[in-house]
Amino acid sequence: MLCVALTTAITWLGSFIVARTTPYMITGLGYGTYFVFASILMAMGAWACFFVPETKGISLEEMDALFARPVLKTCWDQMRGRRIPLDLLESGSVSAEKAEAKEIE
């Protein structure tokens, strides 16, 4: 429950900041305000693409193993199209032969 309350508070804080600063930004920057928000959107999109692993079709057990690994390694494997099975993740090491064998199947 604490996490839900925390994320709700952060969302409300962000909305408050945007609501309070946008009129001043429009007065000062004009249409440049939209470029500011667009650049923030692009930065957050890139962050999500590179640092948030894909979880579609993954079981809860695989999720535990997925988030136990370093995020950059997980994202790099997914960008290369490689899905590493749960039993190999739990062992702590994945050899290239085993990963490629699972990739071909």
PDB file of N, CA and C in Angstrom:
ATOM      1  N   MET A   1       0.816  -1.192   0.000  1.00  0.00           N
ATOM      2  CA  MET A   1       0.000   0.000   0.000  1.00  0.00           C
ATOM      3  C   MET A   1       0.859   1.254   0.000  1.00  0.00           C
ATOM      4  N   LEU A   2       2.015   1.171   0.625  1.00  0.00           N
ATOM      5  CA  LEU A   2       2.876   2.343   0.688  1.00  0.00           C
ATOM      6  C   LEU A   2       3.323   2.768  -0.708  1.00  0.00           C
ATOM      7  N   CYS A   3       3.618   1.792  -1.565  1.00  0.00           N
ATOM      8  CA  CYS A   3       4.058   2.118  -2.923  1.00  0.00           C
ATOM      9  C   CYS A   3       2.958   2.818  -3.709  1.00  0.00           C
ATOM     10  N   VAL A   4       1.719   2.383  -3.535  1.00  0.00           N
ATOM     11  CA  VAL A   4       0.600   3.021  -4.225  1.00  0.00           C
ATOM     12  C   VAL A   4       0.460   4.463  -3.753  1.00  0.00           C
ATOM     13  N   ALA A   5       0.554   4.681  -2.453  1.00  0.00           N
ATOM     14  CA  ALA A   5       0.455   6.036  -1.912  1.00  0.00           C
ATOM     15  C   ALA A   5       1.603   6.910  -2.404  1.00  0.00           C
ATOM     16  N   LEU A   6       2.788   6.338  -2.462  1.00  0.00           N
ATOM     17  CA  LEU A   6       3.948   7.094  -2.916  1.00  0.00           C
ATOM     18  C   LEU A   6       3.819   7.490  -4.384  1.00  0.00           C
ATOM     19  N   THR A   7       3.427   6.560  -5.235  1.00  0.00           N
ATOM     20  CA  THR A   7       3.278   6.889  -6.656  1.00  0.00           C
ATOM     21  C   THR A   7       2.148   7.883  -6.882  1.00  0.00           C
ATOM     22  N   THR A   8       1.076   7.784  -6.111  1.00  0.00           N
ATOM     23  CA  THR A   8      -0.014   8.751  -6.226  1.00  0.00           C
ATOM     24  C   THR A   8       0.457  10.141  -5.815  1.00  0.00           C
ATOM     25  N   ALA A   9       1.215  10.224  -4.738  1.00  0.00           N
ATOM     26  CA  ALA A   9       1.734  11.516  -4.282  1.00  0.00           C
ATOM     27  C   ALA A   9       2.681  12.126  -5.310  1.00  0.00           C
ATOM     28  N   ILE A  10       3.526  11.313  -5.910  1.00  0.00           N
ATOM     29  CA  ILE A  10       4.453  11.812  -6.927  1.00  0.00           C
ATOM     30  C   ILE A  10       3.692  12.294  -8.156  1.00  0.00           C
ATOM     31  N   THR A  11       2.647  11.575  -8.545  1.00  0.00           N
ATOM     32  CA  THR A  11       1.825  11.992  -9.678  1.00  0.00           C
ATOM     33  C   THR A  11       1.153  13.332  -9.399  1.00  0.00           C
ATOM     34  N   TRP A  12       0.587  13.478  -8.215  1.00  0.00           N
ATOM     35  CA  TRP A  12      -0.053  14.743  -7.848  1.00  0.00           C
ATOM     36  C   TRP A  12       0.971  15.876  -7.791  1.00  0.00           C
ATOM     37  N   LEU A  13       2.144  15.621  -7.275  1.00  0.00           N
ATOM     38  CA  LEU A  13       3.191  16.637  -7.217  1.00  0.00           C
ATOM     39  C   LEU A  13       3.603  17.073  -8.624  1.00  0.00           C
ATOM     40  N   GLY A  14       3.784  16.109  -9.510  1.00  0.00           N
ATOM     41  CA  GLY A  14       4.130  16.433 -10.891  1.00  0.00           C
ATOM     42  C   GLY A  14       3.048  17.241 -11.582  1.00  0.00           C
ATOM     43  N   SER A  15       1.797  16.868 -11.367  1.00  0.00           N
ATOM     44  CA  SER A  15       0.684  17.620 -11.952  1.00  0.00           C
ATOM     45  C   SER A  15       0.634  19.042 -11.401  1.00  0.00           C
ATOM     46  N   PHE A  16       0.883  19.196 -10.121  1.00  0.00           N
ATOM     47  CA  PHE A  16       0.892  20.519  -9.503  1.00  0.00           C
ATOM     48  C   PHE A  16       1.994  21.390 -10.103  1.00  0.00           C
ATOM     49  N   ILE A  17       3.180  20.820 -10.264  1.00  0.00           N
ATOM     50  CA  ILE A  17       4.303  21.580 -10.824  1.00  0.00           C
ATOM     51  C   ILE A  17       4.001  22.014 -12.253  1.00  0.00           C
ATOM     52  N   VAL A  18       3.468  21.105 -13.062  1.00  0.00           N
ATOM     53  CA  VAL A  18       3.129  21.449 -14.443  1.00  0.00           C
ATOM     54  C   VAL A  18       2.047  22.523 -14.482  1.00  0.00           C
ATOM     55  N   ALA A  19       1.023  22.387 -13.655  1.00  0.00           N
ATOM     56  CA  ALA A  19      -0.074  23.361 -13.646  1.00  0.00           C
ATOM     57  C   ALA A  19       0.396  24.740 -13.191  1.00  0.00           C
ATOM     58  N   ARG A  20       1.341  24.793 -12.265  1.00  0.00           N
ATOM     59  CA  ARG A  20       1.814  26.090 -11.765  1.00  0.00           C
ATOM     60  C   ARG A  20       2.828  26.742 -12.699  1.00  0.00           C
ATOM     61  N   THR A  21       3.630  25.967 -13.411  1.00  0.00           N
ATOM     62  CA  THR A  21       4.689  26.555 -14.234  1.00  0.00           C
ATOM     63  C   THR A  21       4.285  26.814 -15.677  1.00  0.00           C
ATOM     64  N   THR A  22       3.316  26.089 -16.202  1.00  0.00           N
ATOM     65  CA  THR A  22       2.950  26.231 -17.615  1.00  0.00           C
ATOM     66  C   THR A  22       2.506  27.645 -17.986  1.00  0.00           C
ATOM     67  N   PRO A  23       1.652  28.321 -17.225  1.00  0.00           N
ATOM     68  CA  PRO A  23       1.281  29.690 -17.627  1.00  0.00           C
ATOM     69  C   PRO A  23       2.486  30.637 -17.714  1.00  0.00           C
ATOM     70  N   TYR A  24       3.424  30.512 -16.787  1.00  0.00           N
ATOM     71  CA  TYR A  24       4.620  31.356 -16.827  1.00  0.00           C
ATOM     72  C   TYR A  24       5.509  30.992 -18.016  1.00  0.00           C
ATOM     73  N   MET A  25       5.583  29.716 -18.314  1.00  0.00           N
ATOM     74  CA  MET A  25       6.382  29.287 -19.461  1.00  0.00           C
ATOM     75  C   MET A  25       5.777  29.788 -20.765  1.00  0.00           C
ATOM     76  N   ILE A  26       4.466  29.731 -20.893  1.00  0.00           N
ATOM     77  CA  ILE A  26       3.813  30.209 -22.115  1.00  0.00           C
ATOM     78  C   ILE A  26       4.027  31.713 -22.266  1.00  0.00           C
ATOM     79  N   THR A  27       3.954  32.442 -21.162  1.00  0.00           N
ATOM     80  CA  THR A  27       4.188  33.889 -21.208  1.00  0.00           C
ATOM     81  C   THR A  27       5.631  34.191 -21.612  1.00  0.00           C
ATOM     82  N   GLY A  28       6.566  33.466 -21.054  1.00  0.00           N
ATOM     83  CA  GLY A  28       7.977  33.732 -21.316  1.00  0.00           C
ATOM     84  C   GLY A  28       8.505  33.114 -22.596  1.00  0.00           C
ATOM     85  N   LEU A  29       8.118  31.890 -22.886  1.00  0.00           N
ATOM     86  CA  LEU A  29       8.679  31.162 -24.024  1.00  0.00           C
ATOM     87  C   LEU A  29       7.762  31.105 -25.237  1.00  0.00           C
ATOM     88  N   GLY A  30       6.491  31.352 -25.044  1.00  0.00           N
ATOM     89  CA  GLY A  30       5.546  31.235 -26.156  1.00  0.00           C
ATOM     90  C   GLY A  30       5.415  29.781 -26.571  1.00  0.00           C
ATOM     91  N   TYR A  31       5.514  29.554 -27.887  1.00  0.00           N
ATOM     92  CA  TYR A  31       5.380  28.178 -28.372  1.00  0.00           C
ATOM     93  C   TYR A  31       6.582  27.306 -28.005  1.00  0.00           C
ATOM     94  N   GLY A  32       7.648  27.893 -27.495  1.00  0.00           N
ATOM     95  CA  GLY A  32       8.805  27.130 -27.031  1.00  0.00           C
ATOM     96  C   GLY A  32       8.475  26.222 -25.853  1.00  0.00           C
ATOM     97  N   THR A  33       7.374  26.539 -25.168  1.00  0.00           N
ATOM     98  CA  THR A  33       6.916  25.693 -24.062  1.00  0.00           C
ATOM     99  C   THR A  33       6.668  24.271 -24.545  1.00  0.00           C
ATOM    100  N   TYR A  34       6.093  24.152 -25.710  1.00  0.00           N
ATOM    101  CA  TYR A  34       5.793  22.827 -26.242  1.00  0.00           C
ATOM    102  C   TYR A  34       7.066  22.068 -26.594  1.00  0.00           C
ATOM    103  N   PHE A  35       8.115  22.796 -27.017  1.00  0.00           N
ATOM    104  CA  PHE A  35       9.389  22.134 -27.274  1.00  0.00           C
ATOM    105  C   PHE A  35      10.015  21.617 -25.977  1.00  0.00           C
ATOM    106  N   VAL A  36       9.827  22.353 -24.894  1.00  0.00           N
ATOM    107  CA  VAL A  36      10.336  21.898 -23.592  1.00  0.00           C
ATOM    108  C   VAL A  36       9.662  20.588 -23.203  1.00  0.00           C
ATOM    109  N   PHE A  37       8.329  20.564 -23.285  1.00  0.00           N
ATOM    110  CA  PHE A  37       7.608  19.347 -22.916  1.00  0.00           C
ATOM    111  C   PHE A  37       7.873  18.210 -23.900  1.00  0.00           C
ATOM    112  N   ALA A  38       8.049  18.538 -25.181  1.00  0.00           N
ATOM    113  CA  ALA A  38       8.364  17.500 -26.170  1.00  0.00           C
ATOM    114  C   ALA A  38       9.739  16.891 -25.903  1.00  0.00           C
ATOM    115  N   SER A  39      10.707  17.716 -25.505  1.00  0.00           N
ATOM    116  CA  SER A  39      12.040  17.177 -25.218  1.00  0.00           C
ATOM    117  C   SER A  39      12.021  16.288 -23.975  1.00  0.00           C
ATOM    118  N   ILE A  40      11.215  16.665 -22.983  1.00  0.00           N
ATOM    119  CA  ILE A  40      11.076  15.805 -21.800  1.00  0.00           C
ATOM    120  C   ILE A  40      10.437  14.480 -22.189  1.00  0.00           C
ATOM    121  N   LEU A  41       9.425  14.537 -23.041  1.00  0.00           N
ATOM    122  CA  LEU A  41       8.758  13.323 -23.512  1.00  0.00           C
ATOM    123  C   LEU A  41       9.728  12.419 -24.267  1.00  0.00           C
ATOM    124  N   MET A  42      10.543  12.992 -25.134  1.00  0.00           N
ATOM    125  CA  MET A  42      11.514  12.196 -25.894  1.00  0.00           C
ATOM    126  C   MET A  42      12.555  11.565 -24.965  1.00  0.00           C
ATOM    127  N   ALA A  43      13.015  12.322 -23.978  1.00  0.00           N
ATOM    128  CA  ALA A  43      13.997  11.786 -23.033  1.00  0.00           C
ATOM    129  C   ALA A  43      13.408  10.631 -22.232  1.00  0.00           C
ATOM    130  N   MET A  44      12.178  10.768 -21.784  1.00  0.00           N
ATOM    131  CA  MET A  44      11.542   9.696 -21.010  1.00  0.00           C
ATOM    132  C   MET A  44      11.234   8.484 -21.894  1.00  0.00           C
ATOM    133  N   GLY A  45      10.912   8.719 -23.158  1.00  0.00           N
ATOM    134  CA  GLY A  45      10.704   7.605 -24.086  1.00  0.00           C
ATOM    135  C   GLY A  45      11.985   6.815 -24.306  1.00  0.00           C
ATOM    136  N   ALA A  46      13.101   7.523 -24.464  1.00  0.00           N
ATOM    137  CA  ALA A  46      14.393   6.848 -24.621  1.00  0.00           C
ATOM    138  C   ALA A  46      14.761   6.091 -23.353  1.00  0.00           C
ATOM    139  N   TRP A  47      14.505   6.692 -22.193  1.00  0.00           N
ATOM    140  CA  TRP A  47      14.789   6.019 -20.926  1.00  0.00           C
ATOM    141  C   TRP A  47      13.985   4.725 -20.818  1.00  0.00           C
ATOM    142  N   ALA A  48      12.704   4.796 -21.153  1.00  0.00           N
ATOM    143  CA  ALA A  48      11.860   3.601 -21.072  1.00  0.00           C
ATOM    144  C   ALA A  48      12.321   2.537 -22.061  1.00  0.00           C
ATOM    145  N   CYS A  49      12.740   2.959 -23.232  1.00  0.00           N
ATOM    146  CA  CYS A  49      13.182   2.000 -24.255  1.00  0.00           C
ATOM    147  C   CYS A  49      14.441   1.253 -23.819  1.00  0.00           C
ATOM    148  N   PHE A  50      15.371   1.947 -23.194  1.00  0.00           N
ATOM    149  CA  PHE A  50      16.655   1.331 -22.871  1.00  0.00           C
ATOM    150  C   PHE A  50      16.762   0.769 -21.457  1.00  0.00           C
ATOM    151  N   PHE A  51      15.936   1.225 -20.525  1.00  0.00           N
ATOM    152  CA  PHE A  51      16.114   0.816 -19.138  1.00  0.00           C
ATOM    153  C   PHE A  51      14.947   0.054 -18.529  1.00  0.00           C
ATOM    154  N   VAL A  52      13.818  -0.037 -19.212  1.00  0.00           N
ATOM    155  CA  VAL A  52      12.667  -0.763 -18.678  1.00  0.00           C
ATOM    156  C   VAL A  52      12.503  -2.033 -19.509  1.00  0.00           C
ATOM    157  N   PRO A  53      12.703  -3.203 -18.917  1.00  0.00           N
ATOM    158  CA  PRO A  53      12.620  -4.442 -19.693  1.00  0.00           C
ATOM    159  C   PRO A  53      11.189  -4.773 -20.113  1.00  0.00           C
ATOM    160  N   GLU A  54      11.056  -5.450 -21.249  1.00  0.00           N
ATOM    161  CA  GLU A  54       9.751  -5.889 -21.748  1.00  0.00           C
ATOM    162  C   GLU A  54       9.256  -7.039 -20.879  1.00  0.00           C
ATOM    163  N   THR A  55       8.005  -6.998 -20.470  1.00  0.00           N
ATOM    164  CA  THR A  55       7.456  -8.032 -19.594  1.00  0.00           C
ATOM    165  C   THR A  55       6.266  -8.753 -20.212  1.00  0.00           C
ATOM    166  N   LYS A  56       5.999  -8.537 -21.486  1.00  0.00           N
ATOM    167  CA  LYS A  56       4.869  -9.193 -22.138  1.00  0.00           C
ATOM    168  C   LYS A  56       5.142 -10.695 -22.263  1.00  0.00           C
ATOM    169  N   GLY A  57       4.192 -11.502 -21.818  1.00  0.00           N
ATOM    170  CA  GLY A  57       4.301 -12.949 -21.950  1.00  0.00           C
ATOM    171  C   GLY A  57       5.276 -13.605 -20.984  1.00  0.00           C
ATOM    172  N   ILE A  58       5.646 -12.930 -19.925  1.00  0.00           N
ATOM    173  CA  ILE A  58       6.600 -13.480 -18.966  1.00  0.00           C
ATOM    174  C   ILE A  58       5.851 -13.862 -17.693  1.00  0.00           C
ATOM    175  N   SER A  59       6.129 -15.053 -17.176  1.00  0.00           N
ATOM    176  CA  SER A  59       5.469 -15.509 -15.951  1.00  0.00           C
ATOM    177  C   SER A  59       6.041 -14.781 -14.735  1.00  0.00           C
ATOM    178  N   LEU A  60       5.383 -14.943 -13.590  1.00  0.00           N
ATOM    179  CA  LEU A  60       5.845 -14.278 -12.371  1.00  0.00           C
ATOM    180  C   LEU A  60       7.223 -14.766 -11.947  1.00  0.00           C
ATOM    181  N   GLU A  61       7.490 -16.053 -12.130  1.00  0.00           N
ATOM    182  CA  GLU A  61       8.799 -16.592 -11.764  1.00  0.00           C
ATOM    183  C   GLU A  61       9.886 -15.998 -12.655  1.00  0.00           C
ATOM    184  N   GLU A  62       9.583 -15.860 -13.939  1.00  0.00           N
ATOM    185  CA  GLU A  62      10.550 -15.253 -14.848  1.00  0.00           C
ATOM    186  C   GLU A  62      10.742 -13.770 -14.532  1.00  0.00           C
ATOM    187  N   MET A  63       9.693 -13.115 -14.037  1.00  0.00           N
ATOM    188  CA  MET A  63       9.807 -11.704 -13.655  1.00  0.00           C
ATOM    189  C   MET A  63      10.801 -11.547 -12.508  1.00  0.00           C
ATOM    190  N   ASP A  64      10.736 -12.439 -11.518  1.00  0.00           N
ATOM    191  CA  ASP A  64      11.683 -12.380 -10.407  1.00  0.00           C
ATOM    192  C   ASP A  64      13.112 -12.524 -10.912  1.00  0.00           C
ATOM    193  N   ALA A  65      13.318 -13.468 -11.809  1.00  0.00           N
ATOM    194  CA  ALA A  65      14.657 -13.679 -12.356  1.00  0.00           C
ATOM    195  C   ALA A  65      15.071 -12.510 -13.244  1.00  0.00           C
ATOM    196  N   LEU A  66      14.129 -11.955 -13.987  1.00  0.00           N
ATOM    197  CA  LEU A  66      14.421 -10.839 -14.882  1.00  0.00           C
ATOM    198  C   LEU A  66      14.906  -9.625 -14.108  1.00  0.00           C
ATOM    199  N   PHE A  67      14.227  -9.291 -13.022  1.00  0.00           N
ATOM    200  CA  PHE A  67      14.604  -8.111 -12.262  1.00  0.00           C
ATOM    201  C   PHE A  67      15.739  -8.383 -11.285  1.00  0.00           C
ATOM    202  N   ALA A  68      16.178  -9.620 -11.163  1.00  0.00           N
ATOM    203  CA  ALA A  68      17.351  -9.926 -10.354  1.00  0.00           C
ATOM    204  C   ALA A  68      18.631  -9.647 -11.140  1.00  0.00           C
ATOM    205  N   ARG A  69      18.529  -9.633 -12.472  1.00  0.00           N
ATOM    206  CA  ARG A  69      19.688  -9.375 -13.330  1.00  0.00           C
ATOM    207  C   ARG A  69      19.909  -7.876 -13.476  1.00  0.00           C
ATOM    208  N   PRO A  70      21.102  -7.471 -13.884  1.00  0.00           N
ATOM    209  CA  PRO A  70      21.319  -6.053 -14.198  1.00  0.00           C
ATOM    210  C   PRO A  70      20.416  -5.633 -15.360  1.00  0.00           C
ATOM    211  N   VAL A  71      19.809  -4.478 -15.255  1.00  0.00           N
ATOM    212  CA  VAL A  71      18.812  -4.040 -16.233  1.00  0.00           C
ATOM    213  C   VAL A  71      19.422  -3.856 -17.611  1.00  0.00           C
ATOM    214  N   LEU A  72      20.619  -3.288 -17.706  1.00  0.00           N
ATOM    215  CA  LEU A  72      21.218  -3.060 -19.019  1.00  0.00           C
ATOM    216  C   LEU A  72      21.472  -4.368 -19.753  1.00  0.00           C
ATOM    217  N   LYS A  73      21.927  -5.403 -19.051  1.00  0.00           N
ATOM    218  CA  LYS A  73      22.167  -6.703 -19.676  1.00  0.00           C
ATOM    219  C   LYS A  73      20.863  -7.290 -20.181  1.00  0.00           C
ATOM    220  N   THR A  74      19.810  -7.193 -19.392  1.00  0.00           N
ATOM    221  CA  THR A  74      18.510  -7.717 -19.787  1.00  0.00           C
ATOM    222  C   THR A  74      17.995  -7.003 -21.021  1.00  0.00           C
ATOM    223  N   CYS A  75      18.079  -5.678 -21.019  1.00  0.00           N
ATOM    224  CA  CYS A  75      17.586  -4.902 -22.159  1.00  0.00           C
ATOM    225  C   CYS A  75      18.399  -5.197 -23.412  1.00  0.00           C
ATOM    226  N   TRP A  76      19.705  -5.360 -23.271  1.00  0.00           N
ATOM    227  CA  TRP A  76      20.543  -5.653 -24.427  1.00  0.00           C
ATOM    228  C   TRP A  76      20.170  -7.005 -25.028  1.00  0.00           C
ATOM    229  N   ASP A  77      19.937  -8.008 -24.181  1.00  0.00           N
ATOM    230  CA  ASP A  77      19.530  -9.318 -24.684  1.00  0.00           C
ATOM    231  C   ASP A  77      18.199  -9.233 -25.413  1.00  0.00           C
ATOM    232  N   GLN A  78      17.260  -8.455 -24.896  1.00  0.00           N
ATOM    233  CA  GLN A  78      15.959  -8.335 -25.537  1.00  0.00           C
ATOM    234  C   GLN A  78      16.055  -7.579 -26.852  1.00  0.00           C
ATOM    235  N   MET A  79      16.919  -6.564 -26.927  1.00  0.00           N
ATOM    236  CA  MET A  79      17.064  -5.819 -28.176  1.00  0.00           C
ATOM    237  C   MET A  79      17.655  -6.712 -29.259  1.00  0.00           C
ATOM    238  N   ARG A  80      18.462  -7.679 -28.872  1.00  0.00           N
ATOM    239  CA  ARG A  80      19.043  -8.605 -29.833  1.00  0.00           C
ATOM    240  C   ARG A  80      18.094  -9.748 -30.163  1.00  0.00           C
ATOM    241  N   GLY A  81      16.913  -9.757 -29.525  1.00  0.00           N
ATOM    242  CA  GLY A  81      15.932 -10.789 -29.817  1.00  0.00           C
ATOM    243  C   GLY A  81      16.172 -12.084 -29.084  1.00  0.00           C
ATOM    244  N   ARG A  82      16.985 -12.060 -28.078  1.00  0.00           N
ATOM    245  CA  ARG A  82      17.332 -13.272 -27.341  1.00  0.00           C
ATOM    246  C   ARG A  82      16.492 -13.347 -26.075  1.00  0.00           C
ATOM    247  N   ARG A  83      15.782 -14.435 -25.904  1.00  0.00           N
ATOM    248  CA  ARG A  83      15.019 -14.665 -24.674  1.00  0.00           C
ATOM    249  C   ARG A  83      15.723 -15.765 -23.903  1.00  0.00           C
ATOM    250  N   ILE A  84      16.138 -15.458 -22.704  1.00  0.00           N
ATOM    251  CA  ILE A  84      16.902 -16.404 -21.901  1.00  0.00           C
ATOM    252  C   ILE A  84      15.956 -17.126 -20.964  1.00  0.00           C
ATOM    253  N   PRO A  85      15.931 -18.460 -21.002  1.00  0.00           N
ATOM    254  CA  PRO A  85      15.007 -19.232 -20.164  1.00  0.00           C
ATOM    255  C   PRO A  85      15.297 -19.085 -18.676  1.00  0.00           C
ATOM    256  N   LEU A  86      14.280 -19.364 -17.883  1.00  0.00           N
ATOM    257  CA  LEU A  86      14.353 -19.194 -16.433  1.00  0.00           C
ATOM    258  C   LEU A  86      15.424 -20.071 -15.801  1.00  0.00           C
ATOM    259  N   ASP A  87      15.563 -21.311 -16.229  1.00  0.00           N
ATOM    260  CA  ASP A  87      16.541 -22.201 -15.598  1.00  0.00           C
ATOM    261  C   ASP A  87      17.972 -21.701 -15.798  1.00  0.00           C
ATOM    262  N   LEU A  88      18.235 -21.060 -16.917  1.00  0.00           N
ATOM    263  CA  LEU A  88      19.566 -20.513 -17.135  1.00  0.00           C
ATOM    264  C   LEU A  88      19.788 -19.245 -16.319  1.00  0.00           C
ATOM    265  N   LEU A  89      18.726 -18.478 -16.113  1.00  0.00           N
ATOM    266  CA  LEU A  89      18.850 -17.271 -15.301  1.00  0.00           C
ATOM    267  C   LEU A  89      19.136 -17.614 -13.850  1.00  0.00           C
ATOM    268  N   GLU A  90      18.501 -18.664 -13.348  1.00  0.00           N
ATOM    269  CA  GLU A  90      18.674 -19.035 -11.946  1.00  0.00           C
ATOM    270  C   GLU A  90      20.067 -19.563 -11.656  1.00  0.00           C
ATOM    271  N   SER A  91      20.699 -20.173 -12.653  1.00  0.00           N
ATOM    272  CA  SER A  91      22.035 -20.703 -12.425  1.00  0.00           C
ATOM    273  C   SER A  91      23.068 -19.592 -12.281  1.00  0.00           C
ATOM    274  N   GLY A  92      22.737 -18.396 -12.763  1.00  0.00           N
ATOM    275  CA  GLY A  92      23.641 -17.269 -12.600  1.00  0.00           C
ATOM    276  C   GLY A  92      24.565 -17.045 -13.771  1.00  0.00           C
ATOM    277  N   SER A  93      24.692 -18.018 -14.658  1.00  0.00           N
ATOM    278  CA  SER A  93      25.536 -17.823 -15.827  1.00  0.00           C
ATOM    279  C   SER A  93      24.871 -18.446 -17.036  1.00  0.00           C
ATOM    280  N   VAL A  94      25.049 -17.798 -18.136  1.00  0.00           N
ATOM    281  CA  VAL A  94      24.459 -18.278 -19.377  1.00  0.00           C
ATOM    282  C   VAL A  94      25.578 -18.403 -20.389  1.00  0.00           C
ATOM    283  N   SER A  95      25.783 -19.605 -20.871  1.00  0.00           N
ATOM    284  CA  SER A  95      26.796 -19.773 -21.898  1.00  0.00           C
ATOM    285  C   SER A  95      26.192 -19.433 -23.250  1.00  0.00           C
ATOM    286  N   ALA A  96      27.012 -19.026 -24.172  1.00  0.00           N
ATOM    287  CA  ALA A  96      26.531 -18.617 -25.492  1.00  0.00           C
ATOM    288  C   ALA A  96      25.872 -19.783 -26.222  1.00  0.00           C
ATOM    289  N   GLU A  97      26.402 -21.003 -26.041  1.00  0.00           N
ATOM    290  CA  GLU A  97      25.833 -22.157 -26.736  1.00  0.00           C
ATOM    291  C   GLU A  97      24.412 -22.442 -26.260  1.00  0.00           C
ATOM    292  N   LYS A  98      24.192 -22.396 -24.951  1.00  0.00           N
ATOM    293  CA  LYS A  98      22.859 -22.674 -24.414  1.00  0.00           C
ATOM    294  C   LYS A  98      21.864 -21.605 -24.838  1.00  0.00           C
ATOM    295  N   ALA A  99      22.274 -20.351 -24.809  1.00  0.00           N
ATOM    296  CA  ALA A  99      21.370 -19.264 -25.191  1.00  0.00           C
ATOM    297  C   ALA A  99      21.031 -19.350 -26.670  1.00  0.00           C
ATOM    298  N   GLU A 100      22.025 -19.666 -27.508  1.00  0.00           N
ATOM    299  CA  GLU A 100      21.766 -19.781 -28.939  1.00  0.00           C
ATOM    300  C   GLU A 100      20.910 -20.998 -29.237  1.00  0.00           C
ATOM    301  N   ALA A 101      21.103 -22.082 -28.496  1.00  0.00           N
ATOM    302  CA  ALA A 101      20.285 -23.275 -28.707  1.00  0.00           C
ATOM    303  C   ALA A 101      18.825 -22.980 -28.405  1.00  0.00           C
ATOM    304  N   LYS A 102      18.554 -22.245 -27.346  1.00  0.00           N
ATOM    305  CA  LYS A 102      17.180 -21.875 -27.010  1.00  0.00           C
ATOM    306  C   LYS A 102      16.627 -20.873 -28.020  1.00  0.00           C
ATOM    307  N   GLU A 103      17.505 -20.035 -28.579  1.00  0.00           N
ATOM    308  CA  GLU A 103      17.082 -19.020 -29.532  1.00  0.00           C
ATOM    309  C   GLU A 103      16.637 -19.663 -30.844  1.00  0.00           C
ATOM    310  N   ILE A 104      17.287 -20.741 -31.254  1.00  0.00           N
ATOM    311  CA  ILE A 104      16.974 -21.407 -32.513  1.00  0.00           C
ATOM    312  C   ILE A 104      15.683 -22.190 -32.420  1.00  0.00           C
ATOM    313  N   GLU A 105      15.398 -22.777 -31.268  1.00  0.00           N
ATOM    314  CA  GLU A 105      14.207 -23.605 -31.102  1.00  0.00           C
ATOM    315  C   GLU A 105      12.976 -22.874 -31.292  1.00  0.00           C
TER     316      GLU A 105
END
